[in-house]
């Protein structure tokens, strides 16, 4: 029994829709799971807080190298006239989890997903270090701009950066997958 052209067209158009819905379901489930893991007190205390303290430490060293007198204590960076405490939401972890959930939900090979996760996490953390340093500098030298820079500009930039990274990675993965499929099809015919 053969498919009519109309039924084949409906099935083909449903396939991308099904794939999109599958991606969204996987993405949301992973996001919720990641949130509960990170929000748990043991993970927060044993992983997130020390990670955030590491961000503060590196930021403090970079600020000192740039000529700012910064002292670091745990997740706090202070000078004689200004101080910040890097809290959850300001450590790049949420954006990394958003990016990670999207990459893991995307239909790509596991080695490529893991490479994407690593590269994306590093890129997000480099941007977040730059964010922390510039926010400290703004708070120290332009305190009137600190709140808007912190809550409006930098939060948006970091999250949008994570989304953009995923879109670039996913676009590249789709192109590589299509090229691989064409090459396999050619070799089967040849």
C-alpha atoms as a PDB file:
ATOM      1  CA  UNK A   1       0.000   0.000   0.000  1.00  0.00           C
ATOM      2  CA  UNK A   2       1.471   3.373  -0.976  1.00  0.00           C
ATOM      3  CA  UNK A   3       1.008   6.784   0.555  1.00  0.00           C
ATOM      4  CA  UNK A   4      -0.810   9.413  -1.389  1.00  0.00           C
ATOM      5  CA  UNK A   5       1.170  12.621  -1.984  1.00  0.00           C
ATOM      6  CA  UNK A   6      -1.165  14.525   0.377  1.00  0.00           C
ATOM      7  CA  UNK A   7      -0.707  12.101   3.286  1.00  0.00           C
ATOM      8  CA  UNK A   8       3.070  12.036   2.762  1.00  0.00           C
ATOM      9  CA  UNK A   9       3.144  15.836   2.805  1.00  0.00           C
ATOM     10  CA  UNK A  10       1.108  15.941   6.058  1.00  0.00           C
ATOM     11  CA  UNK A  11       3.420  13.375   7.702  1.00  0.00           C
ATOM     12  CA  UNK A  12       6.537  15.261   6.537  1.00  0.00           C
ATOM     13  CA  UNK A  13       5.209  18.587   7.833  1.00  0.00           C
ATOM     14  CA  UNK A  14       4.216  16.978  11.156  1.00  0.00           C
ATOM     15  CA  UNK A  15       7.685  15.527  11.610  1.00  0.00           C
ATOM     16  CA  UNK A  16       9.435  18.905  12.133  1.00  0.00           C
ATOM     17  CA  UNK A  17       6.564  19.951  14.392  1.00  0.00           C
ATOM     18  CA  UNK A  18       6.931  16.754  16.418  1.00  0.00           C
ATOM     19  CA  UNK A  19      10.679  17.273  16.644  1.00  0.00           C
ATOM     20  CA  UNK A  20      10.150  20.840  17.843  1.00  0.00           C
ATOM     21  CA  UNK A  21       7.634  19.777  20.472  1.00  0.00           C
ATOM     22  CA  UNK A  22       9.975  16.964  21.560  1.00  0.00           C
ATOM     23  CA  UNK A  23      12.833  19.442  21.891  1.00  0.00           C
ATOM     24  CA  UNK A  24      10.684  21.844  23.939  1.00  0.00           C
ATOM     25  CA  UNK A  25       9.465  19.081  26.254  1.00  0.00           C
ATOM     26  CA  UNK A  26      13.004  17.780  26.821  1.00  0.00           C
ATOM     27  CA  UNK A  27      14.269  21.340  27.337  1.00  0.00           C
ATOM     28  CA  UNK A  28      11.619  22.219  29.938  1.00  0.00           C
ATOM     29  CA  UNK A  29      12.047  18.910  31.799  1.00  0.00           C
ATOM     30  CA  UNK A  30      15.834  19.359  31.923  1.00  0.00           C
ATOM     31  CA  UNK A  31      15.456  22.957  33.056  1.00  0.00           C
ATOM     32  CA  UNK A  32      13.146  21.952  35.903  1.00  0.00           C
ATOM     33  CA  UNK A  33      15.425  19.076  36.941  1.00  0.00           C
ATOM     34  CA  UNK A  34      18.496  21.339  36.845  1.00  0.00           C
ATOM     35  CA  UNK A  35      16.675  23.992  38.867  1.00  0.00           C
ATOM     36  CA  UNK A  36      15.724  21.531  41.602  1.00  0.00           C
ATOM     37  CA  UNK A  37      19.248  20.138  41.726  1.00  0.00           C
ATOM     38  CA  UNK A  38      20.876  23.569  41.970  1.00  0.00           C
ATOM     39  CA  UNK A  39      18.249  24.882  44.402  1.00  0.00           C
ATOM     40  CA  UNK A  40      18.819  22.050  46.858  1.00  0.00           C
ATOM     41  CA  UNK A  41      20.727  23.155  49.954  1.00  0.00           C
ATOM     42  CA  UNK A  42      23.425  20.417  49.755  1.00  0.00           C
ATOM     43  CA  UNK A  43      24.274  21.224  46.106  1.00  0.00           C
ATOM     44  CA  UNK A  44      24.125  24.954  46.745  1.00  0.00           C
ATOM     45  CA  UNK A  45      26.425  24.697  49.763  1.00  0.00           C
ATOM     46  CA  UNK A  46      28.858  22.144  48.337  1.00  0.00           C
ATOM     47  CA  UNK A  47      29.013  23.270  44.682  1.00  0.00           C
ATOM     48  CA  UNK A  48      27.392  26.617  43.901  1.00  0.00           C
ATOM     49  CA  UNK A  49      28.734  28.685  46.810  1.00  0.00           C
ATOM     50  CA  UNK A  50      32.358  27.475  46.339  1.00  0.00           C
ATOM     51  CA  UNK A  51      32.013  28.037  42.575  1.00  0.00           C
ATOM     52  CA  UNK A  52      30.731  31.559  43.226  1.00  0.00           C
ATOM     53  CA  UNK A  53      33.585  32.173  45.674  1.00  0.00           C
ATOM     54  CA  UNK A  54      35.940  31.122  42.873  1.00  0.00           C
ATOM     55  CA  UNK A  55      34.366  33.725  40.589  1.00  0.00           C
ATOM     56  CA  UNK A  56      34.845  36.354  43.305  1.00  0.00           C
ATOM     57  CA  UNK A  57      38.469  35.290  43.807  1.00  0.00           C
ATOM     58  CA  UNK A  58      39.351  35.447  40.102  1.00  0.00           C
ATOM     59  CA  UNK A  59      37.480  38.747  39.723  1.00  0.00           C
ATOM     60  CA  UNK A  60      39.341  40.188  42.723  1.00  0.00           C
ATOM     61  CA  UNK A  61      42.704  39.165  41.297  1.00  0.00           C
ATOM     62  CA  UNK A  62      41.826  40.667  37.907  1.00  0.00           C
ATOM     63  CA  UNK A  63      40.587  43.886  39.544  1.00  0.00           C
ATOM     64  CA  UNK A  64      43.843  44.144  41.502  1.00  0.00           C
ATOM     65  CA  UNK A  65      45.847  43.537  38.317  1.00  0.00           C
ATOM     66  CA  UNK A  66      43.879  46.414  36.751  1.00  0.00           C
ATOM     67  CA  UNK A  67      44.902  48.719  39.610  1.00  0.00           C
ATOM     68  CA  UNK A  68      41.768  48.568  41.749  1.00  0.00           C
ATOM     69  CA  UNK A  69      42.315  47.724  45.397  1.00  0.00           C
ATOM     70  CA  UNK A  70      39.885  44.861  45.902  1.00  0.00           C
ATOM     71  CA  UNK A  71      39.683  42.396  48.764  1.00  0.00           C
ATOM     72  CA  UNK A  72      37.801  39.140  48.495  1.00  0.00           C
ATOM     73  CA  UNK A  73      36.095  37.252  51.284  1.00  0.00           C
ATOM     74  CA  UNK A  74      34.048  34.281  50.156  1.00  0.00           C
ATOM     75  CA  UNK A  75      31.602  35.588  47.573  1.00  0.00           C
ATOM     76  CA  UNK A  76      32.205  39.257  48.468  1.00  0.00           C
ATOM     77  CA  UNK A  77      34.468  41.696  46.674  1.00  0.00           C
ATOM     78  CA  UNK A  78      35.184  44.914  48.601  1.00  0.00           C
ATOM     79  CA  UNK A  79      37.215  48.060  48.423  1.00  0.00           C
ATOM     80  CA  UNK A  80      37.382  50.928  50.885  1.00  0.00           C
ATOM     81  CA  UNK A  81      34.324  52.604  49.361  1.00  0.00           C
ATOM     82  CA  UNK A  82      32.299  49.866  47.610  1.00  0.00           C
ATOM     83  CA  UNK A  83      31.471  46.197  47.900  1.00  0.00           C
ATOM     84  CA  UNK A  84      29.400  43.538  46.161  1.00  0.00           C
ATOM     85  CA  UNK A  85      28.304  40.076  47.138  1.00  0.00           C
ATOM     86  CA  UNK A  86      27.987  37.711  44.178  1.00  0.00           C
ATOM     87  CA  UNK A  87      24.795  35.783  44.757  1.00  0.00           C
ATOM     88  CA  UNK A  88      22.932  33.099  42.865  1.00  0.00           C
ATOM     89  CA  UNK A  89      21.639  34.719  39.721  1.00  0.00           C
ATOM     90  CA  UNK A  90      24.850  36.720  39.373  1.00  0.00           C
ATOM     91  CA  UNK A  91      27.279  33.827  39.005  1.00  0.00           C
ATOM     92  CA  UNK A  92      26.376  32.760  35.455  1.00  0.00           C
ATOM     93  CA  UNK A  93      25.052  29.404  36.651  1.00  0.00           C
ATOM     94  CA  UNK A  94      21.437  30.039  35.613  1.00  0.00           C
ATOM     95  CA  UNK A  95      22.463  31.056  32.096  1.00  0.00           C
ATOM     96  CA  UNK A  96      24.775  28.034  31.895  1.00  0.00           C
ATOM     97  CA  UNK A  97      21.878  25.782  32.977  1.00  0.00           C
ATOM     98  CA  UNK A  98      19.598  27.364  30.376  1.00  0.00           C
ATOM     99  CA  UNK A  99      22.250  26.799  27.716  1.00  0.00           C
ATOM    100  CA  UNK A 100      22.990  23.289  28.985  1.00  0.00           C
ATOM    101  CA  UNK A 101      19.331  22.240  28.971  1.00  0.00           C
ATOM    102  CA  UNK A 102      18.967  23.474  25.390  1.00  0.00           C
ATOM    103  CA  UNK A 103      22.127  21.703  24.199  1.00  0.00           C
ATOM    104  CA  UNK A 104      21.202  18.436  25.925  1.00  0.00           C
ATOM    105  CA  UNK A 105      17.653  18.591  24.521  1.00  0.00           C
ATOM    106  CA  UNK A 106      18.921  19.170  20.974  1.00  0.00           C
ATOM    107  CA  UNK A 107      19.225  16.138  18.685  1.00  0.00           C
ATOM    108  CA  UNK A 108      22.986  15.917  18.217  1.00  0.00           C
ATOM    109  CA  UNK A 109      25.579  13.271  18.953  1.00  0.00           C
ATOM    110  CA  UNK A 110      26.725  13.009  22.555  1.00  0.00           C
ATOM    111  CA  UNK A 111      30.344  13.974  21.827  1.00  0.00           C
ATOM    112  CA  UNK A 112      29.140  17.119  20.042  1.00  0.00           C
ATOM    113  CA  UNK A 113      26.724  17.936  22.867  1.00  0.00           C
ATOM    114  CA  UNK A 114      29.487  17.548  25.462  1.00  0.00           C
ATOM    115  CA  UNK A 115      31.848  19.721  23.419  1.00  0.00           C
ATOM    116  CA  UNK A 116      29.067  22.322  23.050  1.00  0.00           C
ATOM    117  CA  UNK A 117      28.392  22.219  26.804  1.00  0.00           C
ATOM    118  CA  UNK A 118      32.049  22.746  27.660  1.00  0.00           C
ATOM    119  CA  UNK A 119      32.630  25.548  25.145  1.00  0.00           C
ATOM    120  CA  UNK A 120      29.368  27.281  26.053  1.00  0.00           C
ATOM    121  CA  UNK A 121      29.963  27.037  29.802  1.00  0.00           C
ATOM    122  CA  UNK A 122      33.442  28.519  29.425  1.00  0.00           C
ATOM    123  CA  UNK A 123      32.208  31.331  27.168  1.00  0.00           C
ATOM    124  CA  UNK A 124      29.371  32.193  29.573  1.00  0.00           C
ATOM    125  CA  UNK A 125      31.763  32.245  32.533  1.00  0.00           C
ATOM    126  CA  UNK A 126      34.285  34.458  30.710  1.00  0.00           C
ATOM    127  CA  UNK A 127      31.489  36.925  29.941  1.00  0.00           C
ATOM    128  CA  UNK A 128      30.264  36.692  33.534  1.00  0.00           C
ATOM    129  CA  UNK A 129      33.764  37.474  34.868  1.00  0.00           C
ATOM    130  CA  UNK A 130      33.805  40.536  32.640  1.00  0.00           C
ATOM    131  CA  UNK A 131      30.347  41.395  33.988  1.00  0.00           C
ATOM    132  CA  UNK A 132      31.430  41.131  37.639  1.00  0.00           C
ATOM    133  CA  UNK A 133      34.558  43.208  37.035  1.00  0.00           C
ATOM    134  CA  UNK A 134      32.724  45.947  35.142  1.00  0.00           C
ATOM    135  CA  UNK A 135      29.931  46.058  37.710  1.00  0.00           C
ATOM    136  CA  UNK A 136      32.465  46.424  40.518  1.00  0.00           C
ATOM    137  CA  UNK A 137      34.199  49.194  38.581  1.00  0.00           C
ATOM    138  CA  UNK A 138      30.858  50.939  37.898  1.00  0.00           C
ATOM    139  CA  UNK A 139      29.875  50.646  41.561  1.00  0.00           C
ATOM    140  CA  UNK A 140      33.203  52.094  42.614  1.00  0.00           C
ATOM    141  CA  UNK A 141      33.501  54.905  40.055  1.00  0.00           C
ATOM    142  CA  UNK A 142      29.911  55.536  38.858  1.00  0.00           C
ATOM    143  CA  UNK A 143      27.650  54.367  41.701  1.00  0.00           C
ATOM    144  CA  UNK A 144      24.551  56.078  40.257  1.00  0.00           C
ATOM    145  CA  UNK A 145      24.727  53.696  37.276  1.00  0.00           C
ATOM    146  CA  UNK A 146      25.229  50.504  39.294  1.00  0.00           C
ATOM    147  CA  UNK A 147      21.605  49.382  39.784  1.00  0.00           C
ATOM    148  CA  UNK A 148      20.554  49.843  36.162  1.00  0.00           C
ATOM    149  CA  UNK A 149      23.801  48.314  34.902  1.00  0.00           C
ATOM    150  CA  UNK A 150      23.321  45.332  37.195  1.00  0.00           C
ATOM    151  CA  UNK A 151      19.623  44.565  36.818  1.00  0.00           C
ATOM    152  CA  UNK A 152      18.771  45.873  33.357  1.00  0.00           C
ATOM    153  CA  UNK A 153      21.845  45.806  31.163  1.00  0.00           C
ATOM    154  CA  UNK A 154      24.124  43.004  32.367  1.00  0.00           C
ATOM    155  CA  UNK A 155      21.420  40.491  33.347  1.00  0.00           C
ATOM    156  CA  UNK A 156      19.896  40.842  29.887  1.00  0.00           C
ATOM    157  CA  UNK A 157      23.256  40.663  28.137  1.00  0.00           C
ATOM    158  CA  UNK A 158      24.316  37.453  29.916  1.00  0.00           C
ATOM    159  CA  UNK A 159      21.011  35.632  29.298  1.00  0.00           C
ATOM    160  CA  UNK A 160      20.831  36.793  25.666  1.00  0.00           C
ATOM    161  CA  UNK A 161      24.444  35.700  25.205  1.00  0.00           C
ATOM    162  CA  UNK A 162      23.520  32.199  26.397  1.00  0.00           C
ATOM    163  CA  UNK A 163      20.560  32.086  24.004  1.00  0.00           C
ATOM    164  CA  UNK A 164      22.692  33.370  21.124  1.00  0.00           C
ATOM    165  CA  UNK A 165      25.397  30.793  21.879  1.00  0.00           C
ATOM    166  CA  UNK A 166      22.805  28.029  21.716  1.00  0.00           C
ATOM    167  CA  UNK A 167      21.347  29.314  18.432  1.00  0.00           C
ATOM    168  CA  UNK A 168      24.822  29.469  16.867  1.00  0.00           C
ATOM    169  CA  UNK A 169      25.700  26.000  18.165  1.00  0.00           C
ATOM    170  CA  UNK A 170      22.366  24.479  17.061  1.00  0.00           C
ATOM    171  CA  UNK A 171      22.624  26.060  13.613  1.00  0.00           C
ATOM    172  CA  UNK A 172      26.120  24.656  13.191  1.00  0.00           C
ATOM    173  CA  UNK A 173      25.008  21.214  14.412  1.00  0.00           C
ATOM    174  CA  UNK A 174      22.071  21.138  11.978  1.00  0.00           C
ATOM    175  CA  UNK A 175      24.390  22.078   9.108  1.00  0.00           C
ATOM    176  CA  UNK A 176      26.947  19.411  10.101  1.00  0.00           C
ATOM    177  CA  UNK A 177      24.173  16.821  10.485  1.00  0.00           C
ATOM    178  CA  UNK A 178      22.737  17.661   7.054  1.00  0.00           C
ATOM    179  CA  UNK A 179      26.195  17.440   5.452  1.00  0.00           C
ATOM    180  CA  UNK A 180      26.808  14.094   7.144  1.00  0.00           C
ATOM    181  CA  UNK A 181      23.428  12.753   5.972  1.00  0.00           C
ATOM    182  CA  UNK A 182      24.108  13.850   2.383  1.00  0.00           C
ATOM    183  CA  UNK A 183      27.553  12.227   2.480  1.00  0.00           C
ATOM    184  CA  UNK A 184      26.067   8.942   3.808  1.00  0.00           C
ATOM    185  CA  UNK A 185      23.377   8.982   1.147  1.00  0.00           C
ATOM    186  CA  UNK A 186      25.980   9.597  -1.580  1.00  0.00           C
ATOM    187  CA  UNK A 187      28.141   6.723  -0.384  1.00  0.00           C
ATOM    188  CA  UNK A 188      25.148   4.346  -0.338  1.00  0.00           C
ATOM    189  CA  UNK A 189      24.284   5.265  -3.923  1.00  0.00           C
ATOM    190  CA  UNK A 190      27.847   5.281  -5.148  1.00  0.00           C
END
